[in-house]
Structure formats: C-alpha cells, structure tokens
Amino acid sequence: MHHRKSHHLLFEALKLTPPLCGGVVHAFSGSIDDAKRYIDKGFCLGIGGTITYERAQKTRTTVTHLIEHNLEALLLETDAPDMPMQGRQGQPNLPRFLPDVVSTLQALSGIEGDSLIEATSHNYQRLFLKKVN
C-alpha cells in the first residue's frame, strides 16, 4: 500500500475490507501505534531513505522500536528513483544505495548490518515467496 499522510484513511478502509493476506506498507513513516496496527493486520513495513534523515525522529524512533520488538515485520526498500537518501538530495535514488539504509538501521539499533540484512531477506522470502525456515 502506498499512502501519504493518510494512515487514518487506510485504517478505515482496512476495517471495511479486511485484507485476505498481508502485504507491504510502502515507505512507512508512521508512529509505533500505526506500525502495530498494520502488523496486526499481517502487513510488513517498507523502510527506506526516510530514516537516513536525522530530522525524521518519529520514524527513526518507531523503526528502532520495531527492530527491537518486531524485526520480522520490516523490509528494506529504496523507492528508486524517488525518495533520495540523506546526502543525495536532488539525485535519483538507486538500489545500490540500500546499504545506506542498513547502515542507518545499524546505527539506530546496534544490530550488525549482516544480521539486519539476513532478517529482512527472510521477511521478504516469507511474504513474497512463501518460504518459511
């Protein structure tokens, strides 16, 4: 699902038409409460360039909480070519910049980058490929 400043509208829509299966909330930038509500409905949360900006404190706080309590609900994304990372404003975003997201997650959580990549890759496989290990 893609949204912009419309969590309340999405939650209303999900009440009216509950999803048959989960999915991804693209470019998630909500609160801990918003995150929990999506996760409870079976959604994963796409985490990308937004968290590379220090001014994105709400999102950074939420993502740090999720890494500690709901890592199985996080996916990495770039939204290439949109949503540039910190330090690359005005340039197209590219998948090769995904390590910037991982580095930011590592700095926020203290969890090693390889562990974050392994966990989010497993989440991707579970969600999209229906692989469960």
N, C-alpha and C. Protein backbone atom coordinates (compact mmCIF):
# COMPACT_ATOMS: atom_id res chain seq x y z
N MET A 1 0.84 -1.16 0.00
CA MET A 1 0.00 0.00 0.00
C MET A 1 0.89 1.23 0.00
N HIS A 2 0.46 2.19 -0.75
CA HIS A 2 1.19 3.44 -0.81
C HIS A 2 0.28 4.54 -0.31
N HIS A 3 0.80 5.40 0.51
CA HIS A 3 -0.01 6.47 1.08
C HIS A 3 0.86 7.68 1.33
N ARG A 4 0.19 8.75 1.61
CA ARG A 4 0.92 9.97 2.02
C ARG A 4 0.03 10.68 3.03
N LYS A 5 0.48 10.68 4.28
CA LYS A 5 -0.25 11.33 5.37
C LYS A 5 -1.71 10.87 5.43
N SER A 6 -1.91 9.55 5.31
CA SER A 6 -3.29 9.05 5.27
C SER A 6 -3.47 7.74 6.04
N HIS A 7 -2.69 7.52 7.08
CA HIS A 7 -2.85 6.28 7.84
C HIS A 7 -4.29 6.13 8.30
N HIS A 8 -4.90 7.19 8.80
CA HIS A 8 -6.26 7.11 9.32
C HIS A 8 -7.24 6.64 8.25
N LEU A 9 -7.05 7.07 7.02
CA LEU A 9 -7.92 6.64 5.92
C LEU A 9 -7.68 5.18 5.56
N LEU A 10 -6.43 4.77 5.57
CA LEU A 10 -6.13 3.36 5.29
C LEU A 10 -6.71 2.44 6.36
N PHE A 11 -6.62 2.84 7.62
CA PHE A 11 -7.18 2.00 8.69
C PHE A 11 -8.68 1.87 8.54
N GLU A 12 -9.35 2.94 8.15
CA GLU A 12 -10.80 2.88 7.91
C GLU A 12 -11.11 1.94 6.75
N ALA A 13 -10.34 2.04 5.68
CA ALA A 13 -10.55 1.16 4.52
C ALA A 13 -10.30 -0.30 4.89
N LEU A 14 -9.29 -0.55 5.71
CA LEU A 14 -8.99 -1.93 6.12
C LEU A 14 -10.08 -2.50 7.03
N LYS A 15 -10.76 -1.63 7.78
CA LYS A 15 -11.90 -2.08 8.59
C LYS A 15 -13.05 -2.51 7.69
N LEU A 16 -13.30 -1.74 6.64
CA LEU A 16 -14.40 -2.02 5.73
C LEU A 16 -14.13 -3.23 4.84
N THR A 17 -12.89 -3.39 4.45
CA THR A 17 -12.49 -4.51 3.59
C THR A 17 -11.22 -5.13 4.14
N PRO A 18 -11.37 -6.04 5.09
CA PRO A 18 -10.18 -6.66 5.68
C PRO A 18 -9.36 -7.39 4.62
N PRO A 19 -8.05 -7.28 4.68
CA PRO A 19 -7.22 -7.95 3.68
C PRO A 19 -7.26 -9.47 3.84
N LEU A 20 -7.21 -10.17 2.71
CA LEU A 20 -7.17 -11.62 2.74
C LEU A 20 -5.78 -12.12 3.13
N CYS A 21 -4.78 -11.33 2.82
CA CYS A 21 -3.41 -11.65 3.21
C CYS A 21 -2.70 -10.33 3.45
N GLY A 22 -1.54 -10.40 3.96
CA GLY A 22 -0.79 -9.18 4.27
C GLY A 22 -0.28 -8.50 3.01
N GLY A 23 0.74 -7.76 3.17
CA GLY A 23 1.35 -7.02 2.08
C GLY A 23 2.42 -6.13 2.66
N VAL A 24 2.68 -5.02 1.99
CA VAL A 24 3.70 -4.09 2.42
C VAL A 24 3.11 -2.69 2.48
N VAL A 25 3.38 -2.00 3.57
CA VAL A 25 3.09 -0.58 3.64
C VAL A 25 4.37 0.09 3.16
N HIS A 26 4.29 0.59 1.94
CA HIS A 26 5.45 1.16 1.25
C HIS A 26 5.88 2.46 1.93
N ALA A 27 7.17 2.63 2.08
CA ALA A 27 7.77 3.86 2.61
C ALA A 27 7.15 4.24 3.95
N PHE A 28 7.08 3.29 4.84
CA PHE A 28 6.44 3.53 6.13
C PHE A 28 7.12 4.67 6.87
N SER A 29 6.29 5.57 7.42
CA SER A 29 6.83 6.68 8.21
C SER A 29 5.85 7.08 9.30
N GLY A 30 5.23 6.08 9.92
CA GLY A 30 4.25 6.39 10.96
C GLY A 30 4.77 6.19 12.36
N SER A 31 3.84 6.21 13.28
CA SER A 31 4.15 6.05 14.70
C SER A 31 4.24 4.58 15.08
N ILE A 32 4.65 4.32 16.31
CA ILE A 32 4.67 2.94 16.81
C ILE A 32 3.27 2.36 16.78
N ASP A 33 2.27 3.15 17.18
CA ASP A 33 0.88 2.67 17.15
C ASP A 33 0.45 2.35 15.72
N ASP A 34 0.77 3.21 14.76
CA ASP A 34 0.44 2.93 13.36
C ASP A 34 1.09 1.61 12.93
N ALA A 35 2.36 1.45 13.25
CA ALA A 35 3.09 0.24 12.87
C ALA A 35 2.41 -1.00 13.45
N LYS A 36 2.07 -0.97 14.71
CA LYS A 36 1.43 -2.13 15.35
C LYS A 36 0.11 -2.46 14.68
N ARG A 37 -0.65 -1.44 14.31
CA ARG A 37 -1.94 -1.69 13.67
C ARG A 37 -1.77 -2.38 12.32
N TYR A 38 -0.80 -1.96 11.54
CA TYR A 38 -0.53 -2.64 10.26
C TYR A 38 -0.02 -4.05 10.48
N ILE A 39 0.92 -4.21 11.40
CA ILE A 39 1.49 -5.53 11.68
C ILE A 39 0.40 -6.49 12.14
N ASP A 40 -0.51 -6.01 12.98
CA ASP A 40 -1.62 -6.86 13.45
C ASP A 40 -2.51 -7.32 12.31
N LYS A 41 -2.52 -6.60 11.21
CA LYS A 41 -3.31 -6.98 10.03
C LYS A 41 -2.49 -7.80 9.04
N GLY A 42 -1.25 -8.15 9.41
CA GLY A 42 -0.42 -9.01 8.58
C GLY A 42 0.49 -8.28 7.60
N PHE A 43 0.64 -6.98 7.75
CA PHE A 43 1.48 -6.21 6.84
C PHE A 43 2.91 -6.12 7.33
N CYS A 44 3.84 -6.08 6.37
CA CYS A 44 5.22 -5.71 6.65
C CYS A 44 5.36 -4.22 6.34
N LEU A 45 6.40 -3.64 6.87
CA LEU A 45 6.62 -2.20 6.71
C LEU A 45 7.89 -1.97 5.91
N GLY A 46 7.77 -1.26 4.80
CA GLY A 46 8.92 -0.93 3.97
C GLY A 46 9.68 0.23 4.58
N ILE A 47 10.95 0.01 4.84
CA ILE A 47 11.80 1.03 5.47
C ILE A 47 12.87 1.44 4.46
N GLY A 48 12.93 2.74 4.21
CA GLY A 48 13.86 3.22 3.20
C GLY A 48 14.55 4.50 3.58
N GLY A 49 14.76 5.33 2.60
CA GLY A 49 15.57 6.53 2.73
C GLY A 49 15.15 7.52 3.78
N THR A 50 13.88 7.53 4.14
CA THR A 50 13.41 8.48 5.15
C THR A 50 14.23 8.40 6.43
N ILE A 51 14.58 7.18 6.83
CA ILE A 51 15.29 7.04 8.11
C ILE A 51 16.72 7.54 8.07
N THR A 52 17.24 7.84 6.88
CA THR A 52 18.61 8.35 6.81
C THR A 52 18.68 9.83 7.19
N TYR A 53 17.54 10.47 7.35
CA TYR A 53 17.49 11.88 7.72
C TYR A 53 17.32 12.02 9.24
N GLU A 54 18.24 12.72 9.88
CA GLU A 54 18.16 12.91 11.33
C GLU A 54 16.88 13.62 11.74
N ARG A 55 16.33 14.46 10.89
CA ARG A 55 15.10 15.18 11.23
C ARG A 55 13.87 14.27 11.27
N ALA A 56 13.98 13.05 10.77
CA ALA A 56 12.85 12.10 10.76
C ALA A 56 12.79 11.35 12.09
N GLN A 57 12.76 12.09 13.19
CA GLN A 57 12.86 11.49 14.52
C GLN A 57 11.72 10.52 14.83
N LYS A 58 10.48 10.87 14.46
CA LYS A 58 9.37 9.96 14.75
C LYS A 58 9.58 8.61 14.06
N THR A 59 9.93 8.66 12.80
CA THR A 59 10.14 7.43 12.04
C THR A 59 11.34 6.67 12.59
N ARG A 60 12.41 7.37 12.90
CA ARG A 60 13.61 6.70 13.43
C ARG A 60 13.32 6.04 14.79
N THR A 61 12.54 6.72 15.63
CA THR A 61 12.17 6.14 16.93
C THR A 61 11.29 4.91 16.73
N THR A 62 10.34 5.00 15.81
CA THR A 62 9.46 3.87 15.53
C THR A 62 10.25 2.69 15.00
N VAL A 63 11.12 2.93 14.05
CA VAL A 63 11.89 1.84 13.46
C VAL A 63 12.83 1.21 14.48
N THR A 64 13.43 2.00 15.34
CA THR A 64 14.28 1.45 16.40
C THR A 64 13.46 0.53 17.29
N HIS A 65 12.26 0.95 17.66
CA HIS A 65 11.36 0.12 18.47
C HIS A 65 11.02 -1.17 17.72
N LEU A 66 10.73 -1.06 16.44
CA LEU A 66 10.36 -2.24 15.66
C LEU A 66 11.52 -3.22 15.52
N ILE A 67 12.72 -2.72 15.37
CA ILE A 67 13.87 -3.61 15.29
C ILE A 67 13.99 -4.43 16.57
N GLU A 68 13.72 -3.79 17.70
CA GLU A 68 13.82 -4.48 18.99
C GLU A 68 12.66 -5.44 19.24
N HIS A 69 11.45 -5.11 18.70
CA HIS A 69 10.26 -5.89 19.07
C HIS A 69 9.54 -6.58 17.91
N ASN A 70 9.73 -6.13 16.69
CA ASN A 70 9.00 -6.69 15.55
C ASN A 70 9.87 -6.73 14.29
N LEU A 71 11.11 -7.16 14.42
CA LEU A 71 12.01 -7.19 13.27
C LEU A 71 11.43 -8.02 12.13
N GLU A 72 10.61 -9.01 12.47
CA GLU A 72 10.02 -9.87 11.45
C GLU A 72 9.01 -9.14 10.57
N ALA A 73 8.72 -7.89 10.87
CA ALA A 73 7.76 -7.12 10.08
C ALA A 73 8.43 -6.07 9.20
N LEU A 74 9.75 -6.04 9.16
CA LEU A 74 10.44 -4.99 8.41
C LEU A 74 11.01 -5.51 7.09
N LEU A 75 10.91 -4.68 6.07
CA LEU A 75 11.54 -4.92 4.78
C LEU A 75 12.37 -3.69 4.42
N LEU A 76 13.40 -3.89 3.64
CA LEU A 76 14.22 -2.77 3.17
C LEU A 76 13.76 -2.36 1.78
N GLU A 77 13.81 -1.06 1.51
CA GLU A 77 13.44 -0.59 0.18
C GLU A 77 14.15 0.72 -0.12
N THR A 78 14.24 1.04 -1.41
CA THR A 78 14.84 2.31 -1.81
C THR A 78 13.82 3.26 -2.43
N ASP A 79 12.75 2.74 -3.02
CA ASP A 79 11.79 3.53 -3.79
C ASP A 79 12.50 4.23 -4.94
N ALA A 80 13.48 3.54 -5.52
CA ALA A 80 14.22 4.11 -6.65
C ALA A 80 13.26 4.40 -7.80
N PRO A 81 13.39 5.53 -8.44
CA PRO A 81 14.42 6.55 -8.31
C PRO A 81 14.02 7.68 -7.35
N ASP A 82 12.90 7.52 -6.66
CA ASP A 82 12.40 8.57 -5.77
C ASP A 82 12.99 8.44 -4.37
N MET A 83 12.59 9.34 -3.49
CA MET A 83 12.98 9.36 -2.08
C MET A 83 14.48 9.25 -1.88
N PRO A 84 15.23 10.27 -2.25
CA PRO A 84 16.69 10.22 -2.10
C PRO A 84 17.11 10.10 -0.63
N MET A 85 18.25 9.51 -0.45
CA MET A 85 18.82 9.34 0.88
C MET A 85 19.50 10.65 1.30
N GLN A 86 19.71 10.78 2.61
CA GLN A 86 20.45 11.92 3.16
C GLN A 86 21.78 12.04 2.42
N GLY A 87 22.12 13.25 2.02
CA GLY A 87 23.37 13.48 1.32
C GLY A 87 23.28 13.31 -0.18
N ARG A 88 22.13 12.83 -0.67
CA ARG A 88 21.95 12.63 -2.11
C ARG A 88 20.70 13.36 -2.62
N GLN A 89 20.30 14.41 -1.93
CA GLN A 89 19.14 15.17 -2.35
C GLN A 89 19.37 15.68 -3.77
N GLY A 90 18.31 15.65 -4.57
CA GLY A 90 18.40 16.12 -5.95
C GLY A 90 18.94 15.09 -6.92
N GLN A 91 19.36 13.93 -6.40
CA GLN A 91 19.87 12.85 -7.25
C GLN A 91 18.86 11.71 -7.23
N PRO A 92 18.79 10.94 -8.28
CA PRO A 92 17.89 9.77 -8.25
C PRO A 92 18.39 8.75 -7.23
N ASN A 93 17.46 8.14 -6.55
CA ASN A 93 17.81 7.06 -5.63
C ASN A 93 18.02 5.80 -6.45
N LEU A 94 18.92 4.97 -6.03
CA LEU A 94 19.25 3.74 -6.75
C LEU A 94 19.32 2.57 -5.77
N PRO A 95 19.01 1.37 -6.24
CA PRO A 95 19.11 0.20 -5.36
C PRO A 95 20.49 0.02 -4.74
N ARG A 96 21.51 0.47 -5.43
CA ARG A 96 22.87 0.30 -4.87
C ARG A 96 23.09 1.13 -3.61
N PHE A 97 22.15 2.04 -3.31
CA PHE A 97 22.26 2.85 -2.10
C PHE A 97 21.58 2.19 -0.89
N LEU A 98 21.02 1.02 -1.08
CA LEU A 98 20.35 0.34 0.03
C LEU A 98 21.27 0.14 1.24
N PRO A 99 22.56 -0.07 1.06
CA PRO A 99 23.44 -0.15 2.24
C PRO A 99 23.37 1.08 3.15
N ASP A 100 22.99 2.24 2.60
CA ASP A 100 22.82 3.43 3.45
C ASP A 100 21.69 3.22 4.46
N VAL A 101 20.62 2.56 4.01
CA VAL A 101 19.51 2.26 4.91
C VAL A 101 19.98 1.28 5.98
N VAL A 102 20.71 0.26 5.56
CA VAL A 102 21.22 -0.74 6.51
C VAL A 102 22.16 -0.08 7.52
N SER A 103 23.04 0.78 7.06
CA SER A 103 23.96 1.48 7.97
C SER A 103 23.21 2.32 8.99
N THR A 104 22.15 2.98 8.54
CA THR A 104 21.35 3.79 9.46
C THR A 104 20.64 2.90 10.47
N LEU A 105 20.07 1.79 10.00
CA LEU A 105 19.43 0.84 10.92
C LEU A 105 20.42 0.32 11.95
N GLN A 106 21.62 0.01 11.49
CA GLN A 106 22.66 -0.48 12.40
C GLN A 106 23.01 0.58 13.43
N ALA A 107 23.15 1.82 13.00
CA ALA A 107 23.49 2.90 13.93
C ALA A 107 22.37 3.13 14.94
N LEU A 108 21.13 3.01 14.50
CA LEU A 108 20.00 3.23 15.40
C LEU A 108 19.81 2.10 16.40
N SER A 109 20.09 0.88 15.97
CA SER A 109 19.75 -0.28 16.80
C SER A 109 20.94 -0.96 17.46
N GLY A 110 22.13 -0.78 16.89
CA GLY A 110 23.29 -1.50 17.41
C GLY A 110 23.37 -2.93 16.91
N ILE A 111 22.46 -3.35 16.05
CA ILE A 111 22.48 -4.69 15.48
C ILE A 111 23.35 -4.67 14.23
N GLU A 112 24.17 -5.68 14.07
CA GLU A 112 25.08 -5.75 12.93
C GLU A 112 24.30 -5.73 11.61
N GLY A 113 24.87 -5.06 10.63
CA GLY A 113 24.25 -4.94 9.32
C GLY A 113 23.91 -6.28 8.69
N ASP A 114 24.83 -7.25 8.80
CA ASP A 114 24.58 -8.58 8.22
C ASP A 114 23.36 -9.24 8.85
N SER A 115 23.17 -9.06 10.13
CA SER A 115 22.00 -9.62 10.81
C SER A 115 20.72 -8.96 10.34
N LEU A 116 20.78 -7.66 10.12
CA LEU A 116 19.60 -6.94 9.62
C LEU A 116 19.26 -7.38 8.21
N ILE A 117 20.28 -7.55 7.38
CA ILE A 117 20.06 -8.00 6.00
C ILE A 117 19.48 -9.40 6.00
N GLU A 118 20.02 -10.28 6.83
CA GLU A 118 19.52 -11.65 6.90
C GLU A 118 18.05 -11.67 7.35
N ALA A 119 17.72 -10.90 8.37
CA ALA A 119 16.35 -10.89 8.89
C ALA A 119 15.38 -10.32 7.87
N THR A 120 15.74 -9.20 7.26
CA THR A 120 14.81 -8.59 6.30
C THR A 120 14.70 -9.41 5.02
N SER A 121 15.77 -10.11 4.63
CA SER A 121 15.70 -11.01 3.48
C SER A 121 14.77 -12.17 3.78
N HIS A 122 14.86 -12.70 4.98
CA HIS A 122 13.94 -13.77 5.40
C HIS A 122 12.50 -13.27 5.38
N ASN A 123 12.28 -12.05 5.84
CA ASN A 123 10.93 -11.48 5.82
C ASN A 123 10.40 -11.38 4.39
N TYR A 124 11.24 -10.94 3.49
CA TYR A 124 10.87 -10.87 2.07
C TYR A 124 10.48 -12.25 1.54
N GLN A 125 11.31 -13.24 1.82
CA GLN A 125 11.04 -14.60 1.33
C GLN A 125 9.75 -15.14 1.92
N ARG A 126 9.52 -14.89 3.18
CA ARG A 126 8.29 -15.35 3.83
C ARG A 126 7.07 -14.70 3.20
N LEU A 127 7.13 -13.40 2.97
CA LEU A 127 5.99 -12.66 2.46
C LEU A 127 5.72 -12.93 0.98
N PHE A 128 6.76 -12.83 0.16
CA PHE A 128 6.55 -12.90 -1.28
C PHE A 128 6.78 -14.26 -1.88
N LEU A 129 7.65 -15.06 -1.31
CA LEU A 129 7.95 -16.37 -1.87
C LEU A 129 7.34 -17.50 -1.05
N LYS A 130 6.72 -17.14 0.06
CA LYS A 130 6.06 -18.09 0.98
C LYS A 130 7.03 -19.15 1.47
N LYS A 131 8.30 -18.75 1.63
CA LYS A 131 9.32 -19.65 2.18
C LYS A 131 9.39 -19.43 3.68
N VAL A 132 9.29 -20.50 4.43
CA VAL A 132 9.37 -20.41 5.89
C VAL A 132 10.46 -21.37 6.34
N ASN A 133 11.43 -20.83 7.09
CA ASN A 133 12.52 -21.69 7.62
C ASN A 133 12.49 -21.61 9.13
